[in-house]
């Protein structure tokens, strides 16, 4: 069985949705926000401007 590349770890809202997704290969976290019929995805950054990375089990 193949594991999905991305895993949703946080979700808030119904019409205006904010989610955090983790790349299960690199551990990089991504912030996704949808507002009505528009949305966007960007790497989630820490205070120093570096990507937030979650430890992944390979």
PDB file of N, CA and C in Angstrom:
ATOM      1  N   UNK A   1       0.840  -1.186   0.000  1.00  0.00           N
ATOM      2  CA  UNK A   1       0.000   0.000   0.000  1.00  0.00           C
ATOM      3  C   UNK A   1       0.883   1.248   0.000  1.00  0.00           C
ATOM      4  N   UNK A   2       0.578   2.161  -0.882  1.00  0.00           N
ATOM      5  CA  UNK A   2       1.353   3.388  -1.012  1.00  0.00           C
ATOM      6  C   UNK A   2       0.826   4.447  -0.061  1.00  0.00           C
ATOM      7  N   UNK A   3       1.750   5.123   0.637  1.00  0.00           N
ATOM      8  CA  UNK A   3       1.382   6.182   1.569  1.00  0.00           C
ATOM      9  C   UNK A   3       1.212   7.496   0.806  1.00  0.00           C
ATOM     10  N   UNK A   4       0.216   8.300   1.195  1.00  0.00           N
ATOM     11  CA  UNK A   4       0.009   9.603   0.571  1.00  0.00           C
ATOM     12  C   UNK A   4       1.201  10.514   0.846  1.00  0.00           C
ATOM     13  N   UNK A   5       1.533  11.339  -0.133  1.00  0.00           N
ATOM     14  CA  UNK A   5       2.673  12.256  -0.013  1.00  0.00           C
ATOM     15  C   UNK A   5       2.388  13.351   1.010  1.00  0.00           C
ATOM     16  N   UNK A   6       1.148  13.849   1.079  1.00  0.00           N
ATOM     17  CA  UNK A   6       0.799  14.932   1.987  1.00  0.00           C
ATOM     18  C   UNK A   6      -0.245  14.479   2.999  1.00  0.00           C
ATOM     19  N   UNK A   7      -0.100  14.968   4.233  1.00  0.00           N
ATOM     20  CA  UNK A   7      -1.017  14.614   5.311  1.00  0.00           C
ATOM     21  C   UNK A   7      -1.531  15.899   5.962  1.00  0.00           C
ATOM     22  N   UNK A   8      -2.859  16.023   6.067  1.00  0.00           N
ATOM     23  CA  UNK A   8      -3.451  17.186   6.729  1.00  0.00           C
ATOM     24  C   UNK A   8      -3.373  16.978   8.232  1.00  0.00           C
ATOM     25  N   UNK A   9      -2.750  17.945   8.939  1.00  0.00           N
ATOM     26  CA  UNK A   9      -2.597  17.816  10.387  1.00  0.00           C
ATOM     27  C   UNK A   9      -3.417  18.832  11.165  1.00  0.00           C
ATOM     28  N   UNK A  10      -4.012  19.824  10.463  1.00  0.00           N
ATOM     29  CA  UNK A  10      -4.819  20.843  11.140  1.00  0.00           C
ATOM     30  C   UNK A  10      -5.847  21.386  10.166  1.00  0.00           C
ATOM     31  N   UNK A  11      -7.046  21.662  10.657  1.00  0.00           N
ATOM     32  CA  UNK A  11      -8.088  22.259   9.825  1.00  0.00           C
ATOM     33  C   UNK A  11      -9.000  23.091  10.704  1.00  0.00           C
ATOM     34  N   UNK A  12      -9.354  24.283  10.201  1.00  0.00           N
ATOM     35  CA  UNK A  12     -10.248  25.165  10.928  1.00  0.00           C
ATOM     36  C   UNK A  12     -11.161  25.867   9.927  1.00  0.00           C
ATOM     37  N   UNK A  13     -12.431  25.947  10.236  1.00  0.00           N
ATOM     38  CA  UNK A  13     -13.386  26.665   9.400  1.00  0.00           C
ATOM     39  C   UNK A  13     -14.138  25.758   8.446  1.00  0.00           C
ATOM     40  N   UNK A  14     -15.199  26.315   7.852  1.00  0.00           N
ATOM     41  CA  UNK A  14     -16.029  25.582   6.897  1.00  0.00           C
ATOM     42  C   UNK A  14     -15.989  26.279   5.538  1.00  0.00           C
ATOM     43  N   UNK A  15     -16.490  27.519   5.463  1.00  0.00           N
ATOM     44  CA  UNK A  15     -16.449  28.261   4.198  1.00  0.00           C
ATOM     45  C   UNK A  15     -15.083  28.900   3.987  1.00  0.00           C
ATOM     46  N   UNK A  16     -14.559  29.535   5.007  1.00  0.00           N
ATOM     47  CA  UNK A  16     -13.207  30.091   4.982  1.00  0.00           C
ATOM     48  C   UNK A  16     -12.328  29.117   5.760  1.00  0.00           C
ATOM     49  N   UNK A  17     -11.557  28.331   5.040  1.00  0.00           N
ATOM     50  CA  UNK A  17     -10.825  27.223   5.641  1.00  0.00           C
ATOM     51  C   UNK A  17      -9.332  27.518   5.719  1.00  0.00           C
ATOM     52  N   UNK A  18      -8.738  27.196   6.866  1.00  0.00           N
ATOM     53  CA  UNK A  18      -7.293  27.248   7.027  1.00  0.00           C
ATOM     54  C   UNK A  18      -6.829  25.848   7.402  1.00  0.00           C
ATOM     55  N   UNK A  19      -5.819  25.354   6.690  1.00  0.00           N
ATOM     56  CA  UNK A  19      -5.309  24.000   6.938  1.00  0.00           C
ATOM     57  C   UNK A  19      -3.786  24.014   6.956  1.00  0.00           C
ATOM     58  N   UNK A  20      -3.216  23.057   7.672  1.00  0.00           N
ATOM     59  CA  UNK A  20      -1.777  22.831   7.637  1.00  0.00           C
ATOM     60  C   UNK A  20      -1.562  21.410   7.127  1.00  0.00           C
ATOM     61  N   UNK A  21      -0.720  21.307   6.101  1.00  0.00           N
ATOM     62  CA  UNK A  21      -0.392  20.036   5.470  1.00  0.00           C
ATOM     63  C   UNK A  21       1.094  19.767   5.640  1.00  0.00           C
ATOM     64  N   UNK A  22       1.464  18.500   5.851  1.00  0.00           N
ATOM     65  CA  UNK A  22       2.870  18.105   5.979  1.00  0.00           C
ATOM     66  C   UNK A  22       3.249  17.206   4.817  1.00  0.00           C
ATOM     67  N   UNK A  23       4.363  17.532   4.185  1.00  0.00           N
ATOM     68  CA  UNK A  23       4.937  16.684   3.147  1.00  0.00           C
ATOM     69  C   UNK A  23       5.599  15.508   3.862  1.00  0.00           C
ATOM     70  N   UNK A  24       5.089  14.306   3.672  1.00  0.00           N
ATOM     71  CA  UNK A  24       5.574  13.149   4.428  1.00  0.00           C
ATOM     72  C   UNK A  24       6.959  12.688   3.994  1.00  0.00           C
ATOM     73  N   UNK A  25       7.489  13.230   2.900  1.00  0.00           N
ATOM     74  CA  UNK A  25       8.847  12.878   2.470  1.00  0.00           C
ATOM     75  C   UNK A  25       9.886  13.856   3.008  1.00  0.00           C
ATOM     76  N   UNK A  26       9.552  15.151   3.047  1.00  0.00           N
ATOM     77  CA  UNK A  26      10.516  16.162   3.488  1.00  0.00           C
ATOM     78  C   UNK A  26      10.237  16.695   4.883  1.00  0.00           C
ATOM     79  N   UNK A  27       8.999  16.568   5.363  1.00  0.00           N
ATOM     80  CA  UNK A  27       8.610  17.089   6.666  1.00  0.00           C
ATOM     81  C   UNK A  27       8.228  18.558   6.647  1.00  0.00           C
ATOM     82  N   UNK A  28       8.332  19.217   5.492  1.00  0.00           N
ATOM     83  CA  UNK A  28       7.999  20.637   5.406  1.00  0.00           C
ATOM     84  C   UNK A  28       6.489  20.829   5.562  1.00  0.00           C
ATOM     85  N   UNK A  29       6.112  21.837   6.381  1.00  0.00           N
ATOM     86  CA  UNK A  29       4.712  22.176   6.631  1.00  0.00           C
ATOM     87  C   UNK A  29       4.265  23.246   5.651  1.00  0.00           C
ATOM     88  N   UNK A  30       3.029  23.120   5.170  1.00  0.00           N
ATOM     89  CA  UNK A  30       2.452  24.090   4.246  1.00  0.00           C
ATOM     90  C   UNK A  30       1.147  24.617   4.825  1.00  0.00           C
ATOM     91  N   UNK A  31       0.921  25.922   4.649  1.00  0.00           N
ATOM     92  CA  UNK A  31      -0.310  26.566   5.082  1.00  0.00           C
ATOM     93  C   UNK A  31      -1.196  26.746   3.858  1.00  0.00           C
ATOM     94  N   UNK A  32      -2.429  26.253   3.943  1.00  0.00           N
ATOM     95  CA  UNK A  32      -3.406  26.405   2.872  1.00  0.00           C
ATOM     96  C   UNK A  32      -4.571  27.206   3.420  1.00  0.00           C
ATOM     97  N   UNK A  33      -4.997  28.217   2.665  1.00  0.00           N
ATOM     98  CA  UNK A  33      -6.166  28.995   3.076  1.00  0.00           C
ATOM     99  C   UNK A  33      -7.096  29.144   1.885  1.00  0.00           C
ATOM    100  N   UNK A  34      -8.387  28.895   2.134  1.00  0.00           N
ATOM    101  CA  UNK A  34      -9.412  29.056   1.099  1.00  0.00           C
ATOM    102  C   UNK A  34     -10.455  30.024   1.625  1.00  0.00           C
ATOM    103  N   UNK A  35     -10.816  30.990   0.787  1.00  0.00           N
ATOM    104  CA  UNK A  35     -11.845  31.963   1.119  1.00  0.00           C
ATOM    105  C   UNK A  35     -12.809  32.015  -0.052  1.00  0.00           C
ATOM    106  N   UNK A  36     -13.966  31.407   0.109  1.00  0.00           N
ATOM    107  CA  UNK A  36     -14.979  31.336  -0.940  1.00  0.00           C
ATOM    108  C   UNK A  36     -14.445  30.541  -2.128  1.00  0.00           C
ATOM    109  N   UNK A  37     -14.235  31.191  -3.277  1.00  0.00           N
ATOM    110  CA  UNK A  37     -13.776  30.445  -4.451  1.00  0.00           C
ATOM    111  C   UNK A  37     -12.305  30.701  -4.771  1.00  0.00           C
ATOM    112  N   UNK A  38     -11.535  31.258  -3.830  1.00  0.00           N
ATOM    113  CA  UNK A  38     -10.111  31.503  -4.031  1.00  0.00           C
ATOM    114  C   UNK A  38      -9.323  30.823  -2.923  1.00  0.00           C
ATOM    115  N   UNK A  39      -8.104  30.401  -3.222  1.00  0.00           N
ATOM    116  CA  UNK A  39      -7.278  29.743  -2.221  1.00  0.00           C
ATOM    117  C   UNK A  39      -5.811  29.881  -2.544  1.00  0.00           C
ATOM    118  N   UNK A  40      -4.980  29.540  -1.568  1.00  0.00           N
ATOM    119  CA  UNK A  40      -3.542  29.623  -1.778  1.00  0.00           C
ATOM    120  C   UNK A  40      -2.797  28.685  -0.857  1.00  0.00           C
ATOM    121  N   UNK A  41      -1.594  28.311  -1.277  1.00  0.00           N
ATOM    122  CA  UNK A  41      -0.743  27.389  -0.533  1.00  0.00           C
ATOM    123  C   UNK A  41       0.652  27.988  -0.457  1.00  0.00           C
ATOM    124  N   UNK A  42       1.260  27.956   0.731  1.00  0.00           N
ATOM    125  CA  UNK A  42       2.597  28.501   0.915  1.00  0.00           C
ATOM    126  C   UNK A  42       3.301  27.720   2.015  1.00  0.00           C
ATOM    127  N   UNK A  43       4.639  27.628   1.972  1.00  0.00           N
ATOM    128  CA  UNK A  43       5.347  26.986   3.084  1.00  0.00           C
ATOM    129  C   UNK A  43       5.092  27.756   4.381  1.00  0.00           C
ATOM    130  N   UNK A  44       4.945  27.044   5.469  1.00  0.00           N
ATOM    131  CA  UNK A  44       4.758  27.654   6.781  1.00  0.00           C
ATOM    132  C   UNK A  44       6.144  27.996   7.321  1.00  0.00           C
ATOM    133  N   UNK A  45       6.366  29.269   7.686  1.00  0.00           N
ATOM    134  CA  UNK A  45       7.690  29.733   8.108  1.00  0.00           C
ATOM    135  C   UNK A  45       7.725  30.049   9.593  1.00  0.00           C
ATOM    136  N   UNK A  46       8.916  29.872  10.212  1.00  0.00           N
ATOM    137  CA  UNK A  46       9.093  30.232  11.621  1.00  0.00           C
ATOM    138  C   UNK A  46       9.488  31.710  11.711  1.00  0.00           C
ATOM    139  N   UNK A  47       9.822  32.170  12.896  1.00  0.00           N
ATOM    140  CA  UNK A  47      10.169  33.580  13.113  1.00  0.00           C
ATOM    141  C   UNK A  47      11.398  34.022  12.331  1.00  0.00           C
ATOM    142  N   UNK A  48      12.289  33.093  12.037  1.00  0.00           N
ATOM    143  CA  UNK A  48      13.514  33.422  11.306  1.00  0.00           C
ATOM    144  C   UNK A  48      13.334  33.318   9.795  1.00  0.00           C
ATOM    145  N   UNK A  49      12.128  32.976   9.349  1.00  0.00           N
ATOM    146  CA  UNK A  49      11.865  32.865   7.924  1.00  0.00           C
ATOM    147  C   UNK A  49      12.234  31.520   7.330  1.00  0.00           C
ATOM    148  N   UNK A  50      12.519  30.541   8.188  1.00  0.00           N
ATOM    149  CA  UNK A  50      12.858  29.193   7.725  1.00  0.00           C
ATOM    150  C   UNK A  50      11.611  28.314   7.751  1.00  0.00           C
ATOM    151  N   UNK A  51      11.522  27.341   6.838  1.00  0.00           N
ATOM    152  CA  UNK A  51      10.348  26.459   6.824  1.00  0.00           C
ATOM    153  C   UNK A  51      10.219  25.664   8.124  1.00  0.00           C
ATOM    154  N   UNK A  52       8.973  25.512   8.584  1.00  0.00           N
ATOM    155  CA  UNK A  52       8.690  24.660   9.732  1.00  0.00           C
ATOM    156  C   UNK A  52       8.759  23.215   9.240  1.00  0.00           C
ATOM    157  N   UNK A  53       9.552  22.402   9.927  1.00  0.00           N
ATOM    158  CA  UNK A  53       9.748  21.008   9.509  1.00  0.00           C
ATOM    159  C   UNK A  53       9.338  20.074  10.640  1.00  0.00           C
ATOM    160  N   UNK A  54       8.502  19.101  10.309  1.00  0.00           N
ATOM    161  CA  UNK A  54       8.054  18.084  11.238  1.00  0.00           C
ATOM    162  C   UNK A  54       8.857  16.814  10.985  1.00  0.00           C
ATOM    163  N   UNK A  55       9.315  16.171  12.052  1.00  0.00           N
ATOM    164  CA  UNK A  55      10.062  14.911  11.892  1.00  0.00           C
ATOM    165  C   UNK A  55       9.151  13.877  11.238  1.00  0.00           C
ATOM    166  N   UNK A  56       9.675  13.174  10.243  1.00  0.00           N
ATOM    167  CA  UNK A  56       8.888  12.157   9.542  1.00  0.00           C
ATOM    168  C   UNK A  56       9.563  10.800   9.713  1.00  0.00           C
ATOM    169  N   UNK A  57       8.746   9.767   9.804  1.00  0.00           N
ATOM    170  CA  UNK A  57       9.251   8.396   9.903  1.00  0.00           C
ATOM    171  C   UNK A  57       9.288   7.795   8.516  1.00  0.00           C
ATOM    172  N   UNK A  58      10.443   7.421   8.068  1.00  0.00           N
ATOM    173  CA  UNK A  58      10.579   6.822   6.725  1.00  0.00           C
ATOM    174  C   UNK A  58      10.738   5.351   6.818  1.00  0.00           C
TER     175      UNK A  58
END
